[in-house]
Amino acid sequence: MAEKIIMLACSAGMSTSLLVSKMEAAAKQDGVDYKIFATSAADIDHQLSQDPHPDVLLLGPQVRYMANDVKKKTDKAGIPMDIINMSDYGMMNGENVLQAAEKLLGDR
């Protein structure tokens, strides 16, 4: 079973799918076991209600306009949330995005 669950959310969940692959490769290289998945912003409420729910949520830069509303929901659920750095997103830098998630989790 994965140590932590990292959820990425964007408009449709498709543009973050490649980033998920890059993050999984970085996690494997770092020797950590995370479940990392992408979903649409419309699916955030559903995912937050799941058991187990994500341990951290990263929003794609294209849905940053939703950050305040999503933050209220993640705060209520006790889940840290942030927006993926636009440069790391554009370059599909899985290692940097993974490190950002770990920082939110308090890992490493």
N, C-alpha and C. Protein backbone atom coordinates (compact mmCIF):
# COMPACT_ATOMS: atom_id res chain seq x y z
N MET A 1 0.84 -1.19 0.00
CA MET A 1 0.00 0.00 0.00
C MET A 1 0.88 1.25 0.00
N ALA A 2 0.47 2.24 -0.73
CA ALA A 2 1.24 3.47 -0.87
C ALA A 2 1.32 4.22 0.46
N GLU A 3 2.48 4.85 0.69
CA GLU A 3 2.67 5.64 1.90
C GLU A 3 1.72 6.83 1.94
N LYS A 4 1.65 7.55 0.84
CA LYS A 4 0.83 8.76 0.75
C LYS A 4 0.11 8.79 -0.59
N ILE A 5 -0.98 9.55 -0.63
CA ILE A 5 -1.75 9.71 -1.86
C ILE A 5 -1.66 11.17 -2.29
N ILE A 6 -1.16 11.40 -3.50
CA ILE A 6 -1.01 12.74 -4.05
C ILE A 6 -1.98 12.89 -5.21
N MET A 7 -2.85 13.88 -5.12
CA MET A 7 -3.84 14.13 -6.17
C MET A 7 -3.50 15.41 -6.89
N LEU A 8 -3.50 15.35 -8.22
CA LEU A 8 -3.34 16.53 -9.06
C LEU A 8 -4.68 16.77 -9.73
N ALA A 9 -5.08 18.03 -9.81
CA ALA A 9 -6.35 18.35 -10.45
C ALA A 9 -6.15 19.47 -11.46
N CYS A 10 -6.74 19.29 -12.63
CA CYS A 10 -6.70 20.32 -13.67
C CYS A 10 -8.08 20.37 -14.31
N SER A 11 -8.19 21.06 -15.42
CA SER A 11 -9.50 21.24 -16.06
C SER A 11 -10.20 19.91 -16.33
N ALA A 12 -9.51 19.00 -17.02
CA ALA A 12 -10.14 17.72 -17.35
C ALA A 12 -9.38 16.53 -16.80
N GLY A 13 -8.23 16.76 -16.18
CA GLY A 13 -7.43 15.66 -15.64
C GLY A 13 -6.49 15.05 -16.66
N MET A 14 -6.53 15.55 -17.89
CA MET A 14 -5.70 14.96 -18.94
C MET A 14 -4.31 15.58 -19.01
N SER A 15 -4.24 16.89 -18.88
CA SER A 15 -2.94 17.53 -19.03
C SER A 15 -2.00 17.19 -17.88
N THR A 16 -2.56 16.79 -16.76
CA THR A 16 -1.69 16.40 -15.64
C THR A 16 -1.28 14.93 -15.70
N SER A 17 -1.85 14.17 -16.59
CA SER A 17 -1.52 12.74 -16.67
C SER A 17 -0.05 12.50 -16.99
N LEU A 18 0.53 13.26 -17.90
CA LEU A 18 1.95 13.12 -18.19
C LEU A 18 2.78 13.51 -16.98
N LEU A 19 2.35 14.55 -16.29
CA LEU A 19 3.07 14.98 -15.09
C LEU A 19 3.03 13.88 -14.02
N VAL A 20 1.91 13.19 -13.90
CA VAL A 20 1.81 12.07 -12.96
C VAL A 20 2.88 11.03 -13.29
N SER A 21 3.03 10.69 -14.56
CA SER A 21 4.05 9.70 -14.97
C SER A 21 5.44 10.16 -14.57
N LYS A 22 5.72 11.43 -14.78
CA LYS A 22 7.04 11.98 -14.43
C LYS A 22 7.25 11.96 -12.92
N MET A 23 6.20 12.25 -12.16
CA MET A 23 6.29 12.22 -10.70
C MET A 23 6.48 10.80 -10.19
N GLU A 24 5.78 9.85 -10.81
CA GLU A 24 5.93 8.44 -10.41
C GLU A 24 7.35 7.97 -10.65
N ALA A 25 7.94 8.37 -11.78
CA ALA A 25 9.32 8.00 -12.07
C ALA A 25 10.27 8.61 -11.05
N ALA A 26 10.03 9.87 -10.68
CA ALA A 26 10.86 10.54 -9.68
C ALA A 26 10.73 9.87 -8.32
N ALA A 27 9.51 9.49 -7.96
CA ALA A 27 9.28 8.82 -6.68
C ALA A 27 9.98 7.47 -6.64
N LYS A 28 9.90 6.74 -7.74
CA LYS A 28 10.57 5.43 -7.82
C LYS A 28 12.08 5.61 -7.67
N GLN A 29 12.62 6.60 -8.37
CA GLN A 29 14.05 6.87 -8.28
C GLN A 29 14.46 7.26 -6.85
N ASP A 30 13.56 7.97 -6.16
CA ASP A 30 13.82 8.39 -4.78
C ASP A 30 13.53 7.28 -3.77
N GLY A 31 12.96 6.18 -4.24
CA GLY A 31 12.67 5.05 -3.35
C GLY A 31 11.48 5.25 -2.44
N VAL A 32 10.51 6.05 -2.88
CA VAL A 32 9.31 6.27 -2.08
C VAL A 32 8.10 5.70 -2.81
N ASP A 33 7.12 5.28 -2.03
CA ASP A 33 5.93 4.65 -2.58
C ASP A 33 4.72 5.56 -2.38
N TYR A 34 4.35 6.29 -3.42
CA TYR A 34 3.19 7.16 -3.38
C TYR A 34 2.19 6.73 -4.44
N LYS A 35 0.93 6.90 -4.11
CA LYS A 35 -0.10 6.78 -5.14
C LYS A 35 -0.29 8.21 -5.66
N ILE A 36 -0.04 8.40 -6.95
CA ILE A 36 -0.16 9.72 -7.56
C ILE A 36 -1.16 9.59 -8.70
N PHE A 37 -2.17 10.46 -8.70
CA PHE A 37 -3.16 10.38 -9.77
C PHE A 37 -3.65 11.77 -10.14
N ALA A 38 -4.20 11.86 -11.35
CA ALA A 38 -4.77 13.11 -11.87
C ALA A 38 -6.26 12.95 -12.01
N THR A 39 -6.95 14.05 -11.78
CA THR A 39 -8.39 14.05 -11.93
C THR A 39 -8.84 15.42 -12.41
N SER A 40 -10.09 15.53 -12.77
CA SER A 40 -10.62 16.83 -13.20
C SER A 40 -10.97 17.66 -11.97
N ALA A 41 -10.97 18.95 -12.14
CA ALA A 41 -11.35 19.84 -11.04
C ALA A 41 -12.78 19.55 -10.58
N ALA A 42 -13.62 19.13 -11.50
CA ALA A 42 -15.01 18.81 -11.16
C ALA A 42 -15.11 17.60 -10.23
N ASP A 43 -14.07 16.79 -10.16
CA ASP A 43 -14.08 15.57 -9.36
C ASP A 43 -13.45 15.76 -7.97
N ILE A 44 -13.00 16.97 -7.66
CA ILE A 44 -12.31 17.20 -6.39
C ILE A 44 -13.19 16.84 -5.20
N ASP A 45 -14.43 17.31 -5.17
CA ASP A 45 -15.32 17.02 -4.03
C ASP A 45 -15.46 15.52 -3.81
N HIS A 46 -15.66 14.80 -4.89
CA HIS A 46 -15.81 13.34 -4.79
C HIS A 46 -14.54 12.71 -4.20
N GLN A 47 -13.39 13.11 -4.69
CA GLN A 47 -12.13 12.54 -4.22
C GLN A 47 -11.87 12.86 -2.76
N LEU A 48 -12.23 14.05 -2.32
CA LEU A 48 -12.01 14.42 -0.92
C LEU A 48 -12.89 13.62 0.02
N SER A 49 -14.00 13.09 -0.49
CA SER A 49 -14.91 12.31 0.35
C SER A 49 -14.57 10.82 0.37
N GLN A 50 -13.61 10.41 -0.43
CA GLN A 50 -13.24 8.99 -0.52
C GLN A 50 -12.46 8.55 0.72
N ASP A 51 -12.46 7.26 0.97
CA ASP A 51 -11.66 6.69 2.05
C ASP A 51 -10.82 5.58 1.45
N PRO A 52 -9.52 5.70 1.40
CA PRO A 52 -8.77 6.84 1.94
C PRO A 52 -8.82 8.03 0.98
N HIS A 53 -8.78 9.22 1.56
CA HIS A 53 -8.77 10.42 0.74
C HIS A 53 -7.32 10.83 0.45
N PRO A 54 -7.11 11.70 -0.51
CA PRO A 54 -5.75 12.15 -0.82
C PRO A 54 -5.10 12.81 0.41
N ASP A 55 -3.79 12.68 0.50
CA ASP A 55 -3.04 13.32 1.59
C ASP A 55 -2.63 14.74 1.21
N VAL A 56 -2.61 15.02 -0.08
CA VAL A 56 -2.26 16.36 -0.57
C VAL A 56 -2.92 16.56 -1.93
N LEU A 57 -3.26 17.83 -2.22
CA LEU A 57 -3.87 18.17 -3.50
C LEU A 57 -3.06 19.28 -4.14
N LEU A 58 -2.67 19.07 -5.39
CA LEU A 58 -1.98 20.08 -6.17
C LEU A 58 -2.86 20.46 -7.35
N LEU A 59 -3.12 21.75 -7.48
CA LEU A 59 -3.94 22.24 -8.59
C LEU A 59 -3.06 22.63 -9.77
N GLY A 60 -3.50 22.29 -10.96
CA GLY A 60 -2.80 22.73 -12.17
C GLY A 60 -2.94 24.24 -12.30
N PRO A 61 -1.93 24.90 -12.85
CA PRO A 61 -1.97 26.37 -12.96
C PRO A 61 -3.17 26.90 -13.75
N GLN A 62 -3.71 26.11 -14.65
CA GLN A 62 -4.84 26.57 -15.46
C GLN A 62 -6.14 26.66 -14.66
N VAL A 63 -6.18 26.08 -13.46
CA VAL A 63 -7.37 26.18 -12.61
C VAL A 63 -7.07 26.93 -11.32
N ARG A 64 -6.03 27.75 -11.35
CA ARG A 64 -5.65 28.51 -10.15
C ARG A 64 -6.78 29.43 -9.69
N TYR A 65 -7.66 29.81 -10.60
CA TYR A 65 -8.79 30.66 -10.23
C TYR A 65 -9.71 29.98 -9.22
N MET A 66 -9.62 28.66 -9.10
CA MET A 66 -10.45 27.90 -8.16
C MET A 66 -9.80 27.76 -6.79
N ALA A 67 -8.58 28.24 -6.65
CA ALA A 67 -7.78 27.96 -5.45
C ALA A 67 -8.48 28.33 -4.14
N ASN A 68 -9.10 29.49 -4.07
CA ASN A 68 -9.73 29.90 -2.81
C ASN A 68 -10.86 28.96 -2.40
N ASP A 69 -11.71 28.60 -3.36
CA ASP A 69 -12.82 27.69 -3.06
C ASP A 69 -12.31 26.30 -2.69
N VAL A 70 -11.33 25.81 -3.43
CA VAL A 70 -10.78 24.47 -3.15
C VAL A 70 -10.07 24.48 -1.80
N LYS A 71 -9.37 25.56 -1.49
CA LYS A 71 -8.64 25.65 -0.22
C LYS A 71 -9.59 25.53 0.97
N LYS A 72 -10.76 26.12 0.87
CA LYS A 72 -11.75 26.00 1.95
C LYS A 72 -12.13 24.54 2.17
N LYS A 73 -12.29 23.83 1.06
CA LYS A 73 -12.67 22.41 1.15
C LYS A 73 -11.54 21.55 1.70
N THR A 74 -10.31 21.81 1.23
CA THR A 74 -9.18 21.00 1.71
C THR A 74 -8.85 21.33 3.16
N ASP A 75 -9.01 22.59 3.55
CA ASP A 75 -8.79 22.95 4.96
C ASP A 75 -9.78 22.21 5.85
N LYS A 76 -11.03 22.17 5.42
CA LYS A 76 -12.08 21.47 6.18
C LYS A 76 -11.75 19.97 6.31
N ALA A 77 -11.16 19.41 5.23
CA ALA A 77 -10.81 17.99 5.23
C ALA A 77 -9.44 17.72 5.87
N GLY A 78 -8.70 18.79 6.19
CA GLY A 78 -7.38 18.63 6.79
C GLY A 78 -6.31 18.19 5.80
N ILE A 79 -6.47 18.61 4.55
CA ILE A 79 -5.56 18.21 3.48
C ILE A 79 -4.83 19.45 2.96
N PRO A 80 -3.50 19.42 2.93
CA PRO A 80 -2.77 20.56 2.38
C PRO A 80 -2.99 20.67 0.86
N MET A 81 -3.00 21.92 0.37
CA MET A 81 -3.23 22.18 -1.04
C MET A 81 -2.34 23.32 -1.50
N ASP A 82 -1.91 23.24 -2.74
CA ASP A 82 -1.17 24.34 -3.34
C ASP A 82 -1.37 24.28 -4.85
N ILE A 83 -0.87 25.30 -5.53
CA ILE A 83 -0.92 25.36 -6.99
C ILE A 83 0.44 24.94 -7.52
N ILE A 84 0.45 24.10 -8.54
CA ILE A 84 1.69 23.65 -9.15
C ILE A 84 2.39 24.84 -9.79
N ASN A 85 3.68 24.96 -9.55
CA ASN A 85 4.48 26.02 -10.15
C ASN A 85 4.33 25.96 -11.67
N MET A 86 4.03 27.11 -12.27
CA MET A 86 3.74 27.15 -13.70
C MET A 86 4.93 26.67 -14.55
N SER A 87 6.13 27.05 -14.16
CA SER A 87 7.31 26.64 -14.90
C SER A 87 7.52 25.13 -14.80
N ASP A 88 7.39 24.58 -13.59
CA ASP A 88 7.53 23.13 -13.42
C ASP A 88 6.45 22.38 -14.18
N TYR A 89 5.24 22.95 -14.20
CA TYR A 89 4.14 22.33 -14.93
C TYR A 89 4.43 22.34 -16.43
N GLY A 90 4.83 23.49 -16.93
CA GLY A 90 5.11 23.62 -18.36
C GLY A 90 6.25 22.73 -18.83
N MET A 91 7.25 22.55 -17.97
CA MET A 91 8.41 21.71 -18.30
C MET A 91 8.17 20.25 -17.92
N MET A 92 7.02 19.97 -17.31
CA MET A 92 6.69 18.62 -16.84
C MET A 92 7.82 18.09 -15.93
N ASN A 93 8.25 18.93 -15.01
CA ASN A 93 9.32 18.58 -14.09
C ASN A 93 8.75 17.81 -12.90
N GLY A 94 8.66 16.51 -13.06
CA GLY A 94 8.07 15.65 -12.05
C GLY A 94 8.80 15.68 -10.72
N GLU A 95 10.11 15.79 -10.76
CA GLU A 95 10.90 15.82 -9.52
C GLU A 95 10.56 17.06 -8.69
N ASN A 96 10.51 18.21 -9.33
CA ASN A 96 10.20 19.45 -8.59
C ASN A 96 8.78 19.44 -8.04
N VAL A 97 7.84 18.94 -8.82
CA VAL A 97 6.45 18.90 -8.36
C VAL A 97 6.32 17.89 -7.23
N LEU A 98 7.02 16.77 -7.33
CA LEU A 98 7.02 15.79 -6.25
C LEU A 98 7.59 16.41 -4.97
N GLN A 99 8.67 17.15 -5.09
CA GLN A 99 9.27 17.81 -3.93
C GLN A 99 8.31 18.82 -3.31
N ALA A 100 7.55 19.52 -4.16
CA ALA A 100 6.56 20.48 -3.65
C ALA A 100 5.48 19.75 -2.84
N ALA A 101 5.04 18.60 -3.35
CA ALA A 101 4.03 17.81 -2.64
C ALA A 101 4.60 17.31 -1.32
N GLU A 102 5.83 16.84 -1.34
CA GLU A 102 6.46 16.34 -0.12
C GLU A 102 6.63 17.45 0.92
N LYS A 103 6.93 18.63 0.46
CA LYS A 103 7.07 19.78 1.37
C LYS A 103 5.73 20.03 2.07
N LEU A 104 4.64 19.97 1.32
CA LEU A 104 3.31 20.14 1.92
C LEU A 104 2.99 19.03 2.90
N LEU A 105 3.47 17.83 2.60
CA LEU A 105 3.22 16.68 3.47
C LEU A 105 4.12 16.68 4.70
N GLY A 106 5.20 17.46 4.63
CA GLY A 106 6.17 17.45 5.72
C GLY A 106 7.16 16.33 5.61
N ASP A 107 7.19 15.64 4.45
CA ASP A 107 8.14 14.55 4.22
C ASP A 107 9.48 15.13 3.79
N ARG A 108 10.49 14.43 4.12
CA ARG A 108 11.87 14.77 3.73
C ARG A 108 12.25 16.16 4.11
